[in-house]
All heavy atoms as atom14 arrays in JSON, in Angstrom:
{
  "sequence": "PDYFALAEQAIKVLHGNRRVIAAEELSEQDDSFLTRFGPS",
  "atom14_mask": [
    [1, 1, 1, 1, 1, 1, 1, 0, 0, 0, 0, 0, 0, 0],
    [1, 1, 1, 1, 1, 1, 1, 1, 0, 0, 0, 0, 0, 0],
    [1, 1, 1, 1, 1, 1, 1, 1, 1, 1, 1, 1, 0, 0],
    [1, 1, 1, 1, 1, 1, 1, 1, 1, 1, 1, 0, 0, 0],
    [1, 1, 1, 1, 1, 0, 0, 0, 0, 0, 0, 0, 0, 0],
    [1, 1, 1, 1, 1, 1, 1, 1, 0, 0, 0, 0, 0, 0],
    [1, 1, 1, 1, 1, 0, 0, 0, 0, 0, 0, 0, 0, 0],
    [1, 1, 1, 1, 1, 1, 1, 1, 1, 0, 0, 0, 0, 0],
    [1, 1, 1, 1, 1, 1, 1, 1, 1, 0, 0, 0, 0, 0],
    [1, 1, 1, 1, 1, 0, 0, 0, 0, 0, 0, 0, 0, 0],
    [1, 1, 1, 1, 1, 1, 1, 1, 0, 0, 0, 0, 0, 0],
    [1, 1, 1, 1, 1, 1, 1, 1, 1, 0, 0, 0, 0, 0],
    [1, 1, 1, 1, 1, 1, 1, 0, 0, 0, 0, 0, 0, 0],
    [1, 1, 1, 1, 1, 1, 1, 1, 0, 0, 0, 0, 0, 0],
    [1, 1, 1, 1, 1, 1, 1, 1, 1, 1, 0, 0, 0, 0],
    [1, 1, 1, 1, 0, 0, 0, 0, 0, 0, 0, 0, 0, 0],
    [1, 1, 1, 1, 1, 1, 1, 1, 0, 0, 0, 0, 0, 0],
    [1, 1, 1, 1, 1, 1, 1, 1, 1, 1, 1, 0, 0, 0],
    [1, 1, 1, 1, 1, 1, 1, 1, 1, 1, 1, 0, 0, 0],
    [1, 1, 1, 1, 1, 1, 1, 0, 0, 0, 0, 0, 0, 0],
    [1, 1, 1, 1, 1, 1, 1, 1, 0, 0, 0, 0, 0, 0],
    [1, 1, 1, 1, 1, 0, 0, 0, 0, 0, 0, 0, 0, 0],
    [1, 1, 1, 1, 1, 0, 0, 0, 0, 0, 0, 0, 0, 0],
    [1, 1, 1, 1, 1, 1, 1, 1, 1, 0, 0, 0, 0, 0],
    [1, 1, 1, 1, 1, 1, 1, 1, 1, 0, 0, 0, 0, 0],
    [1, 1, 1, 1, 1, 1, 1, 1, 0, 0, 0, 0, 0, 0],
    [1, 1, 1, 1, 1, 1, 0, 0, 0, 0, 0, 0, 0, 0],
    [1, 1, 1, 1, 1, 1, 1, 1, 1, 0, 0, 0, 0, 0],
    [1, 1, 1, 1, 1, 1, 1, 1, 1, 0, 0, 0, 0, 0],
    [1, 1, 1, 1, 1, 1, 1, 1, 0, 0, 0, 0, 0, 0],
    [1, 1, 1, 1, 1, 1, 1, 1, 0, 0, 0, 0, 0, 0],
    [1, 1, 1, 1, 1, 1, 0, 0, 0, 0, 0, 0, 0, 0],
    [1, 1, 1, 1, 1, 1, 1, 1, 1, 1, 1, 0, 0, 0],
    [1, 1, 1, 1, 1, 1, 1, 1, 0, 0, 0, 0, 0, 0],
    [1, 1, 1, 1, 1, 1, 1, 0, 0, 0, 0, 0, 0, 0],
    [1, 1, 1, 1, 1, 1, 1, 1, 1, 1, 1, 0, 0, 0],
    [1, 1, 1, 1, 1, 1, 1, 1, 1, 1, 1, 0, 0, 0],
    [1, 1, 1, 1, 0, 0, 0, 0, 0, 0, 0, 0, 0, 0],
    [1, 1, 1, 1, 1, 1, 1, 0, 0, 0, 0, 0, 0, 0],
    [1, 1, 1, 1, 1, 1, 0, 0, 0, 0, 0, 0, 0, 0]
  ],
  "atom14_positions": [
    [[-8.93, -17.05, -8.24], [-7.55, -16.56, -8.15], [-7.48, -15.02, -8.11], [-6.67, -14.46, -7.38], [-6.88, -17.11, -9.41], [-7.68, -18.33, -9.75], [-9.09, -17.99, -9.36], [0.0, 0.0, 0.0], [0.0, 0.0, 0.0], [0.0, 0.0, 0.0], [0.0, 0.0, 0.0], [0.0, 0.0, 0.0], [0.0, 0.0, 0.0], [0.0, 0.0, 0.0]],
    [[-8.35, -14.36, -8.87], [-8.36, -12.89, -8.87], [-8.75, -12.34, -7.5], [-8.15, -11.39, -7.01], [-9.32, -12.34, -9.93], [-8.84, -12.61, -11.35], [-7.63, -12.84, -11.54], [-9.68, -12.58, -12.26], [0.0, 0.0, 0.0], [0.0, 0.0, 0.0], [0.0, 0.0, 0.0], [0.0, 0.0, 0.0], [0.0, 0.0, 0.0], [0.0, 0.0, 0.0]],
    [[-9.78, -12.93, -6.9], [-10.23, -12.48, -5.58], [-9.12, -12.68, -4.56], [-8.85, -11.81, -3.74], [-11.49, -13.26, -5.18], [-12.15, -12.76, -3.92], [-13.23, -11.89, -3.98], [-11.72, -13.17, -2.67], [-13.85, -11.43, -2.83], [-12.33, -12.72, -1.51], [-13.39, -11.84, -1.6], [-14.0, -11.39, -0.46], [0.0, 0.0, 0.0], [0.0, 0.0, 0.0]],
    [[-8.46, -13.83, -4.61], [-7.38, -14.13, -3.68], [-6.23, -13.13, -3.84], [-5.69, -12.62, -2.86], [-6.89, -15.57, -3.88], [-5.88, -16.01, -2.87], [-6.29, -16.45, -1.62], [-4.52, -15.97, -3.15], [-5.37, -16.86, -0.67], [-3.59, -16.38, -2.2], [-4.01, -16.82, -0.97], [0.0, 0.0, 0.0], [0.0, 0.0, 0.0], [0.0, 0.0, 0.0]],
    [[-5.87, -12.84, -5.1], [-4.78, -11.89, -5.36], [-5.13, -10.5, -4.83], [-4.28, -9.83, -4.23], [-4.48, -11.83, -6.86], [0.0, 0.0, 0.0], [0.0, 0.0, 0.0], [0.0, 0.0, 0.0], [0.0, 0.0, 0.0], [0.0, 0.0, 0.0], [0.0, 0.0, 0.0], [0.0, 0.0, 0.0], [0.0, 0.0, 0.0], [0.0, 0.0, 0.0]],
    [[-6.38, -10.07, -5.02], [-6.81, -8.77, -4.5], [-6.78, -8.75, -2.97], [-6.38, -7.75, -2.36], [-8.22, -8.42, -4.99], [-8.31, -7.99, -6.45], [-9.78, -7.86, -6.87], [-7.58, -6.68, -6.68], [0.0, 0.0, 0.0], [0.0, 0.0, 0.0], [0.0, 0.0, 0.0], [0.0, 0.0, 0.0], [0.0, 0.0, 0.0], [0.0, 0.0, 0.0]],
    [[-7.2, -9.84, -2.34], [-7.17, -9.93, -0.88], [-5.74, -9.85, -0.37], [-5.45, -9.14, 0.6], [-7.85, -11.21, -0.41], [0.0, 0.0, 0.0], [0.0, 0.0, 0.0], [0.0, 0.0, 0.0], [0.0, 0.0, 0.0], [0.0, 0.0, 0.0], [0.0, 0.0, 0.0], [0.0, 0.0, 0.0], [0.0, 0.0, 0.0], [0.0, 0.0, 0.0]],
    [[-4.83, -10.56, -1.02], [-3.42, -10.5, -0.62], [-2.86, -9.1, -0.77], [-2.15, -8.6, 0.1], [-2.57, -11.47, -1.47], [-2.62, -12.89, -1.02], [-1.59, -13.72, -1.76], [-1.51, -13.65, -3.0], [-0.87, -14.47, -1.07], [0.0, 0.0, 0.0], [0.0, 0.0, 0.0], [0.0, 0.0, 0.0], [0.0, 0.0, 0.0], [0.0, 0.0, 0.0]],
    [[-3.21, -8.45, -1.87], [-2.74, -7.08, -2.11], [-3.29, -6.13, -1.05], [-2.56, -5.29, -0.53], [-3.17, -6.63, -3.51], [-2.66, -5.27, -3.89], [-3.1, -4.87, -5.3], [-3.93, -5.53, -5.91], [-2.55, -3.79, -5.78], [0.0, 0.0, 0.0], [0.0, 0.0, 0.0], [0.0, 0.0, 0.0], [0.0, 0.0, 0.0], [0.0, 0.0, 0.0]],
    [[-4.56, -6.28, -0.7], [-5.17, -5.42, 0.32], [-4.48, -5.6, 1.66], [-4.21, -4.63, 2.38], [-6.66, -5.72, 0.45], [0.0, 0.0, 0.0], [0.0, 0.0, 0.0], [0.0, 0.0, 0.0], [0.0, 0.0, 0.0], [0.0, 0.0, 0.0], [0.0, 0.0, 0.0], [0.0, 0.0, 0.0], [0.0, 0.0, 0.0], [0.0, 0.0, 0.0]],
    [[-4.16, -6.83, 2.0], [-3.47, -7.1, 3.28], [-2.09, -6.44, 3.28], [-1.69, -5.82, 4.27], [-3.36, -8.61, 3.54], [-4.75, -9.16, 3.87], [-2.37, -8.92, 4.65], [-4.84, -10.66, 3.89], [0.0, 0.0, 0.0], [0.0, 0.0, 0.0], [0.0, 0.0, 0.0], [0.0, 0.0, 0.0], [0.0, 0.0, 0.0], [0.0, 0.0, 0.0]],
    [[-1.39, -6.53, 2.16], [-0.07, -5.9, 2.08], [-0.16, -4.39, 2.21], [0.66, -3.76, 2.87], [0.62, -6.28, 0.77], [1.12, -7.7, 0.75], [1.73, -8.05, -0.59], [2.11, -9.52, -0.61], [2.54, -9.96, -1.94], [0.0, 0.0, 0.0], [0.0, 0.0, 0.0], [0.0, 0.0, 0.0], [0.0, 0.0, 0.0], [0.0, 0.0, 0.0]],
    [[-1.19, -3.79, 1.58], [-1.36, -2.34, 1.66], [-1.69, -1.93, 3.09], [-1.14, -0.96, 3.61], [-2.47, -1.87, 0.69], [-2.89, -0.44, 0.98], [-2.01, -2.01, -0.76], [0.0, 0.0, 0.0], [0.0, 0.0, 0.0], [0.0, 0.0, 0.0], [0.0, 0.0, 0.0], [0.0, 0.0, 0.0], [0.0, 0.0, 0.0], [0.0, 0.0, 0.0]],
    [[-2.57, -2.69, 3.73], [-2.99, -2.33, 5.08], [-1.92, -2.59, 6.13], [-1.81, -1.86, 7.11], [-4.27, -3.09, 5.46], [-5.52, -2.69, 4.68], [-6.66, -3.64, 5.0], [-5.92, -1.26, 5.01], [0.0, 0.0, 0.0], [0.0, 0.0, 0.0], [0.0, 0.0, 0.0], [0.0, 0.0, 0.0], [0.0, 0.0, 0.0], [0.0, 0.0, 0.0]],
    [[-1.16, -3.66, 5.96], [-0.23, -4.08, 7.01], [1.24, -4.1, 6.57], [2.1, -4.35, 7.4], [-0.61, -5.47, 7.52], [-1.99, -5.53, 8.08], [-2.35, -4.9, 9.23], [-3.12, -6.11, 7.6], [-3.63, -5.1, 9.47], [-4.12, -5.82, 8.51], [0.0, 0.0, 0.0], [0.0, 0.0, 0.0], [0.0, 0.0, 0.0], [0.0, 0.0, 0.0]],
    [[1.49, -3.82, 5.32], [2.85, -3.95, 4.79], [3.86, -2.99, 5.39], [5.04, -3.27, 5.43], [0.0, 0.0, 0.0], [0.0, 0.0, 0.0], [0.0, 0.0, 0.0], [0.0, 0.0, 0.0], [0.0, 0.0, 0.0], [0.0, 0.0, 0.0], [0.0, 0.0, 0.0], [0.0, 0.0, 0.0], [0.0, 0.0, 0.0], [0.0, 0.0, 0.0]],
    [[3.4, -1.83, 5.86], [4.33, -0.84, 6.38], [4.5, -0.92, 7.89], [5.19, -0.1, 8.47], [3.85, 0.57, 5.99], [3.92, 0.78, 4.5], [4.82, 0.25, 3.85], [2.98, 1.51, 3.95], [0.0, 0.0, 0.0], [0.0, 0.0, 0.0], [0.0, 0.0, 0.0], [0.0, 0.0, 0.0], [0.0, 0.0, 0.0], [0.0, 0.0, 0.0]],
    [[3.86, -1.87, 8.5], [3.98, -2.0, 9.95], [5.28, -2.71, 10.31], [5.73, -3.59, 9.61], [2.81, -2.8, 10.53], [1.52, -2.06, 10.43], [0.43, -2.84, 11.1], [-0.82, -2.13, 10.99], [-1.91, -2.49, 11.6], [-1.93, -3.56, 12.36], [-3.01, -1.8, 11.46], [0.0, 0.0, 0.0], [0.0, 0.0, 0.0], [0.0, 0.0, 0.0]],
    [[5.84, -2.29, 11.42], [7.02, -2.98, 11.92], [7.04, -2.86, 13.44], [6.45, -1.95, 14.0], [8.3, -2.43, 11.31], [8.59, -1.0, 11.6], [9.8, -0.51, 10.81], [10.05, 0.88, 11.1], [10.95, 1.31, 11.97], [11.7, 0.45, 12.62], [11.13, 2.59, 12.19], [0.0, 0.0, 0.0], [0.0, 0.0, 0.0], [0.0, 0.0, 0.0]],
    [[7.69, -3.77, 14.07], [7.79, -3.79, 15.52], [9.02, -2.98, 15.92], [10.08, -3.13, 15.34], [7.93, -5.23, 16.05], [8.14, -5.25, 17.54], [6.7, -6.03, 15.65], [0.0, 0.0, 0.0], [0.0, 0.0, 0.0], [0.0, 0.0, 0.0], [0.0, 0.0, 0.0], [0.0, 0.0, 0.0], [0.0, 0.0, 0.0], [0.0, 0.0, 0.0]],
    [[8.81, -2.12, 16.9], [9.91, -1.3, 17.4], [10.05, -1.58, 18.89], [9.09, -1.48, 19.65], [9.63, 0.21, 17.19], [9.45, 0.52, 15.71], [10.75, 1.06, 17.79], [9.02, 1.93, 15.43], [0.0, 0.0, 0.0], [0.0, 0.0, 0.0], [0.0, 0.0, 0.0], [0.0, 0.0, 0.0], [0.0, 0.0, 0.0], [0.0, 0.0, 0.0]],
    [[11.25, -1.94, 19.3], [11.52, -2.17, 20.73], [11.49, -0.84, 21.46], [11.81, 0.21, 20.88], [12.87, -2.84, 20.9], [0.0, 0.0, 0.0], [0.0, 0.0, 0.0], [0.0, 0.0, 0.0], [0.0, 0.0, 0.0], [0.0, 0.0, 0.0], [0.0, 0.0, 0.0], [0.0, 0.0, 0.0], [0.0, 0.0, 0.0], [0.0, 0.0, 0.0]],
    [[11.12, -0.86, 22.71], [11.0, 0.37, 23.5], [12.3, 1.17, 23.48], [12.28, 2.4, 23.4], [10.6, 0.03, 24.93], [0.0, 0.0, 0.0], [0.0, 0.0, 0.0], [0.0, 0.0, 0.0], [0.0, 0.0, 0.0], [0.0, 0.0, 0.0], [0.0, 0.0, 0.0], [0.0, 0.0, 0.0], [0.0, 0.0, 0.0], [0.0, 0.0, 0.0]],
    [[13.43, 0.48, 23.53], [14.7, 1.21, 23.55], [15.04, 1.85, 22.21], [15.94, 2.69, 22.12], [15.85, 0.32, 24.04], [16.0, -1.03, 23.43], [15.1, -2.12, 24.01], [14.42, -1.92, 25.02], [15.06, -3.18, 23.41], [0.0, 0.0, 0.0], [0.0, 0.0, 0.0], [0.0, 0.0, 0.0], [0.0, 0.0, 0.0], [0.0, 0.0, 0.0]],
    [[14.31, 1.48, 21.15], [14.53, 2.09, 19.83], [13.69, 3.35, 19.61], [13.89, 4.06, 18.63], [14.18, 1.09, 18.72], [15.07, -0.11, 18.64], [14.63, -1.06, 17.54], [14.39, -0.6, 16.41], [14.5, -2.26, 17.82], [0.0, 0.0, 0.0], [0.0, 0.0, 0.0], [0.0, 0.0, 0.0], [0.0, 0.0, 0.0], [0.0, 0.0, 0.0]],
    [[12.75, 3.64, 20.51], [11.89, 4.8, 20.35], [12.68, 6.09, 20.53], [13.52, 6.2, 21.43], [10.76, 4.79, 21.38], [9.68, 3.72, 21.2], [8.72, 3.75, 22.39], [8.93, 3.92, 19.91], [0.0, 0.0, 0.0], [0.0, 0.0, 0.0], [0.0, 0.0, 0.0], [0.0, 0.0, 0.0], [0.0, 0.0, 0.0], [0.0, 0.0, 0.0]],
    [[12.39, 7.05, 19.67], [13.01, 8.36, 19.82], [12.3, 9.09, 20.96], [11.23, 8.69, 21.4], [12.88, 9.16, 18.53], [11.52, 9.5, 18.3], [0.0, 0.0, 0.0], [0.0, 0.0, 0.0], [0.0, 0.0, 0.0], [0.0, 0.0, 0.0], [0.0, 0.0, 0.0], [0.0, 0.0, 0.0], [0.0, 0.0, 0.0], [0.0, 0.0, 0.0]],
    [[12.89, 10.19, 21.41], [12.23, 10.99, 22.45], [10.89, 11.51, 21.95], [9.93, 11.58, 22.71], [13.14, 12.15, 22.87], [14.31, 11.72, 23.72], [15.14, 12.9, 24.18], [14.59, 14.0, 24.34], [16.36, 12.7, 24.38], [0.0, 0.0, 0.0], [0.0, 0.0, 0.0], [0.0, 0.0, 0.0], [0.0, 0.0, 0.0], [0.0, 0.0, 0.0]],
    [[10.82, 11.85, 20.66], [9.58, 12.34, 20.07], [8.51, 11.24, 20.08], [7.36, 11.49, 20.43], [9.83, 12.83, 18.65], [8.6, 13.43, 17.99], [8.88, 13.91, 16.57], [9.97, 13.7, 16.03], [7.9, 14.56, 15.97], [0.0, 0.0, 0.0], [0.0, 0.0, 0.0], [0.0, 0.0, 0.0], [0.0, 0.0, 0.0], [0.0, 0.0, 0.0]],
    [[8.9, 10.01, 19.7], [7.96, 8.88, 19.73], [7.45, 8.64, 21.14], [6.27, 8.46, 21.38], [8.62, 7.6, 19.21], [8.97, 7.66, 17.74], [8.32, 8.39, 16.99], [9.92, 6.94, 17.36], [0.0, 0.0, 0.0], [0.0, 0.0, 0.0], [0.0, 0.0, 0.0], [0.0, 0.0, 0.0], [0.0, 0.0, 0.0], [0.0, 0.0, 0.0]],
    [[8.38, 8.64, 22.1], [8.03, 8.39, 23.49], [7.08, 9.47, 24.02], [6.09, 9.18, 24.69], [9.29, 8.32, 24.35], [9.0, 7.84, 25.76], [8.25, 6.85, 25.9], [9.52, 8.45, 26.7], [0.0, 0.0, 0.0], [0.0, 0.0, 0.0], [0.0, 0.0, 0.0], [0.0, 0.0, 0.0], [0.0, 0.0, 0.0], [0.0, 0.0, 0.0]],
    [[7.36, 10.71, 23.67], [6.51, 11.82, 24.09], [5.11, 11.69, 23.49], [4.1, 11.89, 24.17], [7.15, 13.15, 23.65], [6.27, 14.22, 23.9], [0.0, 0.0, 0.0], [0.0, 0.0, 0.0], [0.0, 0.0, 0.0], [0.0, 0.0, 0.0], [0.0, 0.0, 0.0], [0.0, 0.0, 0.0], [0.0, 0.0, 0.0], [0.0, 0.0, 0.0]],
    [[5.04, 11.32, 22.23], [3.75, 11.14, 21.56], [2.94, 10.03, 22.22], [1.76, 10.2, 22.52], [3.97, 10.82, 20.07], [2.71, 10.62, 19.3], [2.04, 11.7, 18.76], [2.19, 9.34, 19.11], [0.86, 11.52, 18.04], [1.02, 9.15, 18.4], [0.35, 10.25, 17.87], [0.0, 0.0, 0.0], [0.0, 0.0, 0.0], [0.0, 0.0, 0.0]],
    [[3.57, 8.9, 22.48], [2.88, 7.77, 23.11], [2.42, 8.1, 24.52], [1.34, 7.71, 24.95], [3.76, 6.53, 23.1], [3.99, 5.9, 21.74], [5.0, 4.76, 21.85], [2.69, 5.39, 21.14], [0.0, 0.0, 0.0], [0.0, 0.0, 0.0], [0.0, 0.0, 0.0], [0.0, 0.0, 0.0], [0.0, 0.0, 0.0], [0.0, 0.0, 0.0]],
    [[3.26, 8.83, 25.25], [2.89, 9.22, 26.61], [1.69, 10.16, 26.58], [0.77, 10.03, 27.38], [4.08, 9.91, 27.32], [5.17, 8.99, 27.33], [3.73, 10.31, 28.73], [0.0, 0.0, 0.0], [0.0, 0.0, 0.0], [0.0, 0.0, 0.0], [0.0, 0.0, 0.0], [0.0, 0.0, 0.0], [0.0, 0.0, 0.0], [0.0, 0.0, 0.0]],
    [[1.69, 11.06, 25.63], [0.62, 12.06, 25.54], [-0.69, 11.47, 25.02], [-1.76, 11.77, 25.54], [1.07, 13.2, 24.64], [0.09, 14.33, 24.57], [0.68, 15.52, 23.85], [-0.35, 16.52, 23.66], [-0.33, 17.43, 22.73], [0.68, 17.49, 21.9], [-1.3, 18.3, 22.62], [0.0, 0.0, 0.0], [0.0, 0.0, 0.0], [0.0, 0.0, 0.0]],
    [[-0.61, 10.64, 23.99], [-1.82, 10.17, 23.33], [-2.16, 8.69, 23.57], [-3.24, 8.24, 23.22], [-1.73, 10.41, 21.81], [-1.66, 11.86, 21.46], [-0.47, 12.43, 21.04], [-2.78, 12.66, 21.57], [-0.4, 13.77, 20.71], [-2.72, 14.01, 21.24], [-1.52, 14.57, 20.81], [0.0, 0.0, 0.0], [0.0, 0.0, 0.0], [0.0, 0.0, 0.0]],
    [[-1.26, 7.95, 24.15], [-1.51, 6.53, 24.4], [-2.42, 6.33, 25.61], [-2.72, 7.28, 26.35], [0.0, 0.0, 0.0], [0.0, 0.0, 0.0], [0.0, 0.0, 0.0], [0.0, 0.0, 0.0], [0.0, 0.0, 0.0], [0.0, 0.0, 0.0], [0.0, 0.0, 0.0], [0.0, 0.0, 0.0], [0.0, 0.0, 0.0], [0.0, 0.0, 0.0]],
    [[-2.85, 5.1, 25.83], [-3.71, 4.83, 27.0], [-2.92, 4.97, 28.29], [-1.71, 4.73, 28.33], [-4.14, 3.38, 26.78], [-3.09, 2.79, 25.91], [-2.6, 3.9, 25.05], [0.0, 0.0, 0.0], [0.0, 0.0, 0.0], [0.0, 0.0, 0.0], [0.0, 0.0, 0.0], [0.0, 0.0, 0.0], [0.0, 0.0, 0.0], [0.0, 0.0, 0.0]],
    [[-3.62, 5.35, 29.34], [-2.98, 5.46, 30.65], [-2.78, 4.06, 31.22], [-3.37, 3.08, 30.73], [-3.86, 6.27, 31.59], [-5.05, 5.55, 31.89], [0.0, 0.0, 0.0], [0.0, 0.0, 0.0], [0.0, 0.0, 0.0], [0.0, 0.0, 0.0], [0.0, 0.0, 0.0], [0.0, 0.0, 0.0], [0.0, 0.0, 0.0], [0.0, 0.0, 0.0]]
  ]
}
């Protein structure tokens, strides 16, 4: 149970702050960053 709880906690730390953003929700700054540093 301890190992499982630690694994769950690690997943939340690694992925807990991620969220999906629709293209139309991107700010001009986000769009500029992705255009500059994203894949062609």
